Amino acid sequence: MKKRELSPEKVESEVAALESLSHPELKARWHELYEVPCPPHMSRKFLLRAVAYRIQENAFGGLKKSMKRRLAKIAADIDTGSPIKPPKAKIKPGTRLLREWNGTVHEVIVLESAVQYRGERWPSLSAVAREITGARWSGPRFFGLRESARG
């Protein structure tokens, strides 16, 4: 895929102009942009979206390699009937996590390589969850960052 230098305004006008194209003209535009014949039974609505995407992709660049890998993994999981797992939450330093437990609201601040709870540094969310509950908990699950095992 070759990236073309187009202004955002030019891209917007090219995409807007697609609405006026007939179904056969959209198929021809598909062939021009994707360099393969358009699949025979593609709806006009889908063609509009696919051609618009390709115009934008050519102008501004496509998906990152990491996203392409993620989508390929999801497709493979769908093919095999495996459950699709959401990506792990990435929490930036400075994020505040709140959790109510037994009528008390507990606040944790995420630091660069630890967390802060009640003014003290803790090595992990799990350590804080154990302090709060007195039991072994997954910290990310306790603070709502992961689904429960029961779904």
Protein backbone atom coordinates (compact mmCIF):
# COMPACT_ATOMS: atom_id res chain seq x y z
CA MET A 1 0.00 0.00 0.00
CA LYS A 2 1.47 3.33 -1.04
CA LYS A 3 0.80 6.33 1.18
CA ARG A 4 -0.31 9.42 -0.75
CA GLU A 5 0.12 12.92 0.55
CA LEU A 6 -3.38 14.39 0.69
CA SER A 7 -4.70 17.13 2.89
CA PRO A 8 -7.45 16.17 5.32
CA GLU A 9 -9.80 18.43 3.33
CA LYS A 10 -9.00 16.58 0.07
CA VAL A 11 -9.58 13.22 1.75
CA GLU A 12 -12.88 14.46 3.17
CA SER A 13 -14.06 15.64 -0.25
CA GLU A 14 -13.02 12.33 -1.90
CA VAL A 15 -14.93 10.36 0.72
CA ALA A 16 -17.99 12.63 0.43
CA ALA A 17 -17.97 12.19 -3.37
CA LEU A 18 -18.37 8.42 -2.96
CA GLU A 19 -22.06 8.87 -2.10
CA SER A 20 -22.80 9.98 -5.64
CA LEU A 21 -21.20 6.90 -7.24
CA SER A 22 -23.32 4.03 -8.54
CA HIS A 23 -22.79 0.48 -7.34
CA PRO A 24 -20.74 -0.45 -10.47
CA GLU A 25 -18.66 2.75 -10.08
CA LEU A 26 -17.95 1.86 -6.44
CA LYS A 27 -16.83 -1.62 -7.54
CA ALA A 28 -14.48 -0.01 -10.07
CA ARG A 29 -13.12 2.31 -7.34
CA TRP A 30 -12.58 -0.78 -5.13
CA HIS A 31 -10.60 -2.44 -7.91
CA GLU A 32 -8.51 0.71 -8.37
CA LEU A 33 -7.75 1.10 -4.64
CA TYR A 34 -7.34 -2.54 -3.57
CA GLU A 35 -5.81 -3.73 -6.86
CA VAL A 36 -8.01 -6.85 -6.86
CA PRO A 37 -11.50 -7.35 -8.28
CA CYS A 38 -14.34 -6.49 -5.96
CA PRO A 39 -16.11 -9.55 -4.49
CA PRO A 40 -19.29 -10.09 -6.52
CA HIS A 41 -22.03 -9.80 -3.87
CA MET A 42 -20.77 -6.90 -1.79
CA SER A 43 -23.50 -4.48 -0.72
CA ARG A 44 -23.30 -0.82 -1.68
CA LYS A 45 -23.26 0.18 2.00
CA PHE A 46 -20.26 -2.02 2.73
CA LEU A 47 -18.50 -0.91 -0.47
CA LEU A 48 -18.90 2.73 0.55
CA ARG A 49 -17.29 2.06 3.91
CA ALA A 50 -14.47 -0.11 2.50
CA VAL A 51 -13.57 2.36 -0.24
CA ALA A 52 -13.72 5.31 2.19
CA TYR A 53 -11.46 3.43 4.60
CA ARG A 54 -8.94 2.67 1.84
CA ILE A 55 -8.83 6.32 0.74
CA GLN A 56 -8.07 7.35 4.32
CA GLU A 57 -5.59 4.50 4.80
CA ASN A 58 -3.70 5.51 1.65
CA ALA A 59 -3.59 9.15 2.75
CA PHE A 60 -2.82 8.79 6.46
CA GLY A 61 -1.46 5.27 6.92
CA GLY A 62 -3.06 2.06 8.10
CA LEU A 63 -3.30 0.10 11.29
CA LYS A 64 -0.25 -0.48 13.49
CA LYS A 65 1.36 -3.91 13.26
CA SER A 66 0.29 -4.65 16.83
CA MET A 67 -3.37 -4.03 15.94
CA LYS A 68 -3.08 -6.19 12.81
CA ARG A 69 -1.69 -9.02 14.98
CA ARG A 70 -4.52 -8.55 17.50
CA LEU A 71 -7.16 -8.68 14.75
CA ALA A 72 -5.54 -11.78 13.23
CA LYS A 73 -5.63 -13.45 16.68
CA ILE A 74 -9.31 -12.55 17.11
CA ALA A 75 -10.10 -13.98 13.66
CA ALA A 76 -8.23 -17.19 14.51
CA ASP A 77 -10.10 -17.45 17.82
CA ILE A 78 -13.42 -17.02 16.02
CA ASP A 79 -12.45 -19.71 13.50
CA THR A 80 -11.60 -22.19 16.26
CA GLY A 81 -14.50 -21.23 18.55
CA SER A 82 -12.11 -20.01 21.27
CA PRO A 83 -13.29 -17.20 23.53
CA ILE A 84 -12.04 -13.73 22.58
CA LYS A 85 -10.04 -12.24 25.43
CA PRO A 86 -10.06 -8.48 25.90
CA PRO A 87 -6.65 -6.81 26.01
CA LYS A 88 -5.15 -6.29 29.43
CA ALA A 89 -5.85 -2.89 30.92
CA LYS A 90 -2.88 -0.55 30.83
CA ILE A 91 -3.09 1.85 33.71
CA LYS A 92 -1.09 5.05 33.54
CA PRO A 93 0.71 6.46 36.57
CA GLY A 94 -1.52 8.95 38.36
CA THR A 95 -4.68 6.91 37.82
CA ARG A 96 -6.90 6.74 40.90
CA LEU A 97 -8.77 3.51 41.54
CA LEU A 98 -11.73 3.47 43.93
CA ARG A 99 -13.37 0.45 45.50
CA GLU A 100 -16.03 0.27 48.15
CA TRP A 101 -15.58 -2.61 50.57
CA ASN A 102 -17.81 -3.17 53.61
CA GLY A 103 -19.12 0.40 53.50
CA THR A 104 -15.69 2.06 53.18
CA VAL A 105 -14.35 3.61 49.98
CA HIS A 106 -10.71 2.70 49.37
CA GLU A 107 -8.55 4.79 47.03
CA VAL A 108 -5.35 3.63 45.35
CA ILE A 109 -3.09 5.81 43.20
CA VAL A 110 -1.09 4.04 40.51
CA LEU A 111 2.60 4.98 40.53
CA GLU A 112 5.32 4.18 37.98
CA SER A 113 6.31 0.83 39.56
CA ALA A 114 4.04 0.50 42.60
CA VAL A 115 0.74 1.77 44.02
CA GLN A 116 -0.03 4.15 46.85
CA TYR A 117 -2.66 3.32 49.44
CA ARG A 118 -3.30 5.43 52.57
CA GLY A 119 -0.07 7.33 51.99
CA GLU A 120 2.12 4.21 51.76
CA ARG A 121 3.73 2.51 48.76
CA TRP A 122 2.60 -1.03 48.01
CA PRO A 123 4.21 -3.40 45.51
CA SER A 124 0.95 -4.36 43.80
CA LEU A 125 -2.82 -4.02 43.71
CA SER A 126 -3.06 -7.57 45.03
CA ALA A 127 -1.12 -6.61 48.16
CA VAL A 128 -3.56 -3.74 48.74
CA ALA A 129 -6.56 -5.99 48.12
CA ARG A 130 -5.23 -8.46 50.72
CA GLU A 131 -4.76 -5.59 53.20
CA ILE A 132 -8.33 -4.40 52.65
CA THR A 133 -10.08 -7.78 52.68
CA GLY A 134 -7.81 -9.96 54.78
CA ALA A 135 -8.01 -12.60 52.02
CA ARG A 136 -6.03 -13.43 48.89
CA TRP A 137 -7.55 -11.50 46.01
CA SER A 138 -6.44 -10.68 42.52
CA GLY A 139 -5.83 -6.94 42.84
CA PRO A 140 -6.88 -6.17 39.25
CA ARG A 141 -10.08 -8.19 39.76
CA PHE A 142 -10.78 -6.59 43.16
CA PHE A 143 -10.47 -3.10 41.64
CA GLY A 144 -12.64 -4.01 38.63
CA LEU A 145 -9.91 -4.17 36.00
CA ARG A 146 -10.57 -7.83 35.14
CA GLU A 147 -13.74 -9.85 34.83
CA SER A 148 -14.55 -12.34 37.55
CA ALA A 149 -13.77 -15.99 36.89
CA ARG A 150 -17.50 -16.67 36.66
CA GLY A 151 -17.83 -14.09 33.83
